[in-house]
């Protein structure tokens, strides 16, 4: 943080990148779960 208590631009970018990576991972895991559920429904 700088003297005014605000996050520096590099801290902001690192937090933003972490959130983006987390969201991308969640999206991939969600996508992988959908076909599994669809194939299970077809078996019933």
PDB file of N, CA and C in Angstrom:
ATOM      1  N   UNK A   1       0.835  -1.189   0.000  1.00  0.00           N
ATOM      2  CA  UNK A   1       0.000   0.000   0.000  1.00  0.00           C
ATOM      3  C   UNK A   1       0.873   1.244   0.000  1.00  0.00           C
ATOM      4  N   UNK A   2       0.334   2.294  -0.571  1.00  0.00           N
ATOM      5  CA  UNK A   2       1.094   3.530  -0.596  1.00  0.00           C
ATOM      6  C   UNK A   2       0.799   4.365   0.656  1.00  0.00           C
ATOM      7  N   UNK A   3       1.315   5.561   0.687  1.00  0.00           N
ATOM      8  CA  UNK A   3       1.170   6.407   1.877  1.00  0.00           C
ATOM      9  C   UNK A   3      -0.286   6.765   2.171  1.00  0.00           C
ATOM     10  N   UNK A   4      -1.112   6.784   1.163  1.00  0.00           N
ATOM     11  CA  UNK A   4      -2.525   7.139   1.351  1.00  0.00           C
ATOM     12  C   UNK A   4      -3.385   5.935   1.719  1.00  0.00           C
ATOM     13  N   UNK A   5      -2.774   4.780   1.870  1.00  0.00           N
ATOM     14  CA  UNK A   5      -3.510   3.574   2.251  1.00  0.00           C
ATOM     15  C   UNK A   5      -4.149   2.844   1.086  1.00  0.00           C
ATOM     16  N   UNK A   6      -3.838   3.270  -0.121  1.00  0.00           N
ATOM     17  CA  UNK A   6      -4.385   2.608  -1.301  1.00  0.00           C
ATOM     18  C   UNK A   6      -3.400   1.570  -1.809  1.00  0.00           C
ATOM     19  N   UNK A   7      -3.943   0.542  -2.445  1.00  0.00           N
ATOM     20  CA  UNK A   7      -3.069  -0.484  -3.013  1.00  0.00           C
ATOM     21  C   UNK A   7      -2.356   0.062  -4.235  1.00  0.00           C
ATOM     22  N   UNK A   8      -1.110  -0.363  -4.399  1.00  0.00           N
ATOM     23  CA  UNK A   8      -0.355   0.062  -5.582  1.00  0.00           C
ATOM     24  C   UNK A   8      -0.914  -0.646  -6.811  1.00  0.00           C
ATOM     25  N   UNK A   9      -0.562  -0.149  -7.960  1.00  0.00           N
ATOM     26  CA  UNK A   9      -1.067  -0.716  -9.204  1.00  0.00           C
ATOM     27  C   UNK A   9      -0.615  -2.162  -9.382  1.00  0.00           C
ATOM     28  N   UNK A  10       0.613  -2.478  -8.972  1.00  0.00           N
ATOM     29  CA  UNK A  10       1.095  -3.856  -9.118  1.00  0.00           C
ATOM     30  C   UNK A  10       0.341  -4.799  -8.182  1.00  0.00           C
ATOM     31  N   UNK A  11       0.000  -4.334  -6.978  1.00  0.00           N
ATOM     32  CA  UNK A  11      -0.799  -5.163  -6.069  1.00  0.00           C
ATOM     33  C   UNK A  11      -2.186  -5.406  -6.656  1.00  0.00           C
ATOM     34  N   UNK A  12      -2.764  -4.360  -7.233  1.00  0.00           N
ATOM     35  CA  UNK A  12      -4.072  -4.488  -7.859  1.00  0.00           C
ATOM     36  C   UNK A  12      -4.040  -5.526  -8.980  1.00  0.00           C
ATOM     37  N   UNK A  13      -3.009  -5.458  -9.826  1.00  0.00           N
ATOM     38  CA  UNK A  13      -2.899  -6.397 -10.940  1.00  0.00           C
ATOM     39  C   UNK A  13      -2.694  -7.825 -10.450  1.00  0.00           C
ATOM     40  N   UNK A  14      -1.921  -8.007  -9.395  1.00  0.00           N
ATOM     41  CA  UNK A  14      -1.695  -9.365  -8.900  1.00  0.00           C
ATOM     42  C   UNK A  14      -2.972  -9.942  -8.296  1.00  0.00           C
ATOM     43  N   UNK A  15      -3.743  -9.119  -7.594  1.00  0.00           N
ATOM     44  CA  UNK A  15      -5.015  -9.590  -7.038  1.00  0.00           C
ATOM     45  C   UNK A  15      -5.993  -9.900  -8.167  1.00  0.00           C
ATOM     46  N   UNK A  16      -6.033  -9.032  -9.174  1.00  0.00           N
ATOM     47  CA  UNK A  16      -6.920  -9.252 -10.318  1.00  0.00           C
ATOM     48  C   UNK A  16      -6.554 -10.540 -11.045  1.00  0.00           C
ATOM     49  N   UNK A  17      -5.268 -10.782 -11.233  1.00  0.00           N
ATOM     50  CA  UNK A  17      -4.830 -12.004 -11.915  1.00  0.00           C
ATOM     51  C   UNK A  17      -5.185 -13.244 -11.110  1.00  0.00           C
ATOM     52  N   UNK A  18      -5.045 -13.170  -9.794  1.00  0.00           N
ATOM     53  CA  UNK A  18      -5.408 -14.302  -8.939  1.00  0.00           C
ATOM     54  C   UNK A  18      -6.895 -14.610  -9.052  1.00  0.00           C
ATOM     55  N   UNK A  19      -7.728 -13.575  -9.026  1.00  0.00           N
ATOM     56  CA  UNK A  19      -9.170 -13.778  -9.179  1.00  0.00           C
ATOM     57  C   UNK A  19      -9.507 -14.360 -10.542  1.00  0.00           C
ATOM     58  N   UNK A  20      -8.839 -13.865 -11.579  1.00  0.00           N
ATOM     59  CA  UNK A  20      -9.084 -14.357 -12.937  1.00  0.00           C
ATOM     60  C   UNK A  20      -8.703 -15.827 -13.049  1.00  0.00           C
ATOM     61  N   UNK A  21      -7.551 -16.211 -12.488  1.00  0.00           N
ATOM     62  CA  UNK A  21      -7.116 -17.610 -12.544  1.00  0.00           C
ATOM     63  C   UNK A  21      -8.070 -18.508 -11.775  1.00  0.00           C
ATOM     64  N   UNK A  22      -8.551 -18.040 -10.628  1.00  0.00           N
ATOM     65  CA  UNK A  22      -9.509 -18.825  -9.840  1.00  0.00           C
ATOM     66  C   UNK A  22     -10.807 -19.024 -10.617  1.00  0.00           C
ATOM     67  N   UNK A  23     -11.273 -17.949 -11.270  1.00  0.00           N
ATOM     68  CA  UNK A  23     -12.504 -18.036 -12.051  1.00  0.00           C
ATOM     69  C   UNK A  23     -12.331 -18.997 -13.225  1.00  0.00           C
ATOM     70  N   UNK A  24     -11.181 -18.945 -13.891  1.00  0.00           N
ATOM     71  CA  UNK A  24     -10.933 -19.833 -15.026  1.00  0.00           C
ATOM     72  C   UNK A  24     -10.912 -21.290 -14.578  1.00  0.00           C
ATOM     73  N   UNK A  25     -10.286 -21.565 -13.454  1.00  0.00           N
ATOM     74  CA  UNK A  25     -10.255 -22.932 -12.934  1.00  0.00           C
ATOM     75  C   UNK A  25     -11.662 -23.406 -12.590  1.00  0.00           C
ATOM     76  N   UNK A  26     -12.440 -22.560 -11.952  1.00  0.00           N
ATOM     77  CA  UNK A  26     -13.814 -22.926 -11.602  1.00  0.00           C
ATOM     78  C   UNK A  26     -14.634 -23.196 -12.861  1.00  0.00           C
ATOM     79  N   UNK A  27     -14.424 -22.414 -13.901  1.00  0.00           N
ATOM     80  CA  UNK A  27     -15.147 -22.608 -15.161  1.00  0.00           C
ATOM     81  C   UNK A  27     -14.796 -23.951 -15.791  1.00  0.00           C
ATOM     82  N   UNK A  28     -13.525 -24.297 -15.779  1.00  0.00           N
ATOM     83  CA  UNK A  28     -13.086 -25.577 -16.351  1.00  0.00           C
ATOM     84  C   UNK A  28     -13.670 -26.742 -15.558  1.00  0.00           C
ATOM     85  N   UNK A  29     -13.596 -26.659 -14.235  1.00  0.00           N
ATOM     86  CA  UNK A  29     -14.137 -27.739 -13.407  1.00  0.00           C
ATOM     87  C   UNK A  29     -15.642 -27.875 -13.607  1.00  0.00           C
ATOM     88  N   UNK A  30     -16.335 -26.754 -13.733  1.00  0.00           N
ATOM     89  CA  UNK A  30     -17.772 -26.793 -13.968  1.00  0.00           C
ATOM     90  C   UNK A  30     -18.075 -27.418 -15.320  1.00  0.00           C
ATOM     91  N   UNK A  31     -17.305 -27.071 -16.348  1.00  0.00           N
ATOM     92  CA  UNK A  31     -17.507 -27.645 -17.675  1.00  0.00           C
ATOM     93  C   UNK A  31     -17.302 -29.157 -17.662  1.00  0.00           C
ATOM     94  N   UNK A  32     -16.291 -29.619 -16.937  1.00  0.00           N
ATOM     95  CA  UNK A  32     -16.016 -31.049 -16.888  1.00  0.00           C
ATOM     96  C   UNK A  32     -17.117 -31.807 -16.155  1.00  0.00           C
ATOM     97  N   UNK A  33     -17.798 -31.139 -15.253  1.00  0.00           N
ATOM     98  CA  UNK A  33     -18.857 -31.789 -14.485  1.00  0.00           C
ATOM     99  C   UNK A  33     -20.141 -31.915 -15.304  1.00  0.00           C
ATOM    100  N   UNK A  34     -20.414 -30.986 -16.203  1.00  0.00           N
ATOM    101  CA  UNK A  34     -21.661 -30.995 -16.973  1.00  0.00           C
ATOM    102  C   UNK A  34     -21.794 -32.238 -17.848  1.00  0.00           C
ATOM    103  N   UNK A  35     -20.790 -32.592 -18.679  1.00  0.00           N
ATOM    104  CA  UNK A  35     -20.952 -33.794 -19.505  1.00  0.00           C
ATOM    105  C   UNK A  35     -21.165 -35.059 -18.658  1.00  0.00           C
ATOM    106  N   UNK A  36     -20.542 -35.109 -17.493  1.00  0.00           N
ATOM    107  CA  UNK A  36     -20.719 -36.264 -16.616  1.00  0.00           C
ATOM    108  C   UNK A  36     -22.178 -36.373 -16.179  1.00  0.00           C
ATOM    109  N   UNK A  37     -22.783 -35.258 -15.813  1.00  0.00           N
ATOM    110  CA  UNK A  37     -24.183 -35.260 -15.407  1.00  0.00           C
ATOM    111  C   UNK A  37     -25.094 -35.601 -16.575  1.00  0.00           C
ATOM    112  N   UNK A  38     -24.767 -35.116 -17.773  1.00  0.00           N
ATOM    113  CA  UNK A  38     -25.588 -35.399 -18.947  1.00  0.00           C
ATOM    114  C   UNK A  38     -25.532 -36.882 -19.292  1.00  0.00           C
ATOM    115  N   UNK A  39     -24.367 -37.479 -19.230  1.00  0.00           N
ATOM    116  CA  UNK A  39     -24.249 -38.897 -19.555  1.00  0.00           C
ATOM    117  C   UNK A  39     -24.956 -39.749 -18.510  1.00  0.00           C
ATOM    118  N   UNK A  40     -24.958 -39.311 -17.271  1.00  0.00           N
ATOM    119  CA  UNK A  40     -25.671 -40.034 -16.217  1.00  0.00           C
ATOM    120  C   UNK A  40     -27.173 -39.985 -16.474  1.00  0.00           C
ATOM    121  N   UNK A  41     -27.674 -38.821 -16.903  1.00  0.00           N
ATOM    122  CA  UNK A  41     -29.103 -38.679 -17.202  1.00  0.00           C
ATOM    123  C   UNK A  41     -29.508 -39.562 -18.380  1.00  0.00           C
ATOM    124  N   UNK A  42     -28.628 -39.750 -19.355  1.00  0.00           N
ATOM    125  CA  UNK A  42     -28.950 -40.579 -20.507  1.00  0.00           C
ATOM    126  C   UNK A  42     -29.051 -42.054 -20.131  1.00  0.00           C
ATOM    127  N   UNK A  43     -28.346 -42.460 -19.088  1.00  0.00           N
ATOM    128  CA  UNK A  43     -28.377 -43.861 -18.667  1.00  0.00           C
ATOM    129  C   UNK A  43     -29.659 -44.211 -17.922  1.00  0.00           C
ATOM    130  N   UNK A  44     -30.309 -43.223 -17.383  1.00  0.00           N
ATOM    131  CA  UNK A  44     -31.522 -43.486 -16.571  1.00  0.00           C
ATOM    132  C   UNK A  44     -32.740 -43.662 -17.444  1.00  0.00           C
TER     133      UNK A  44
END
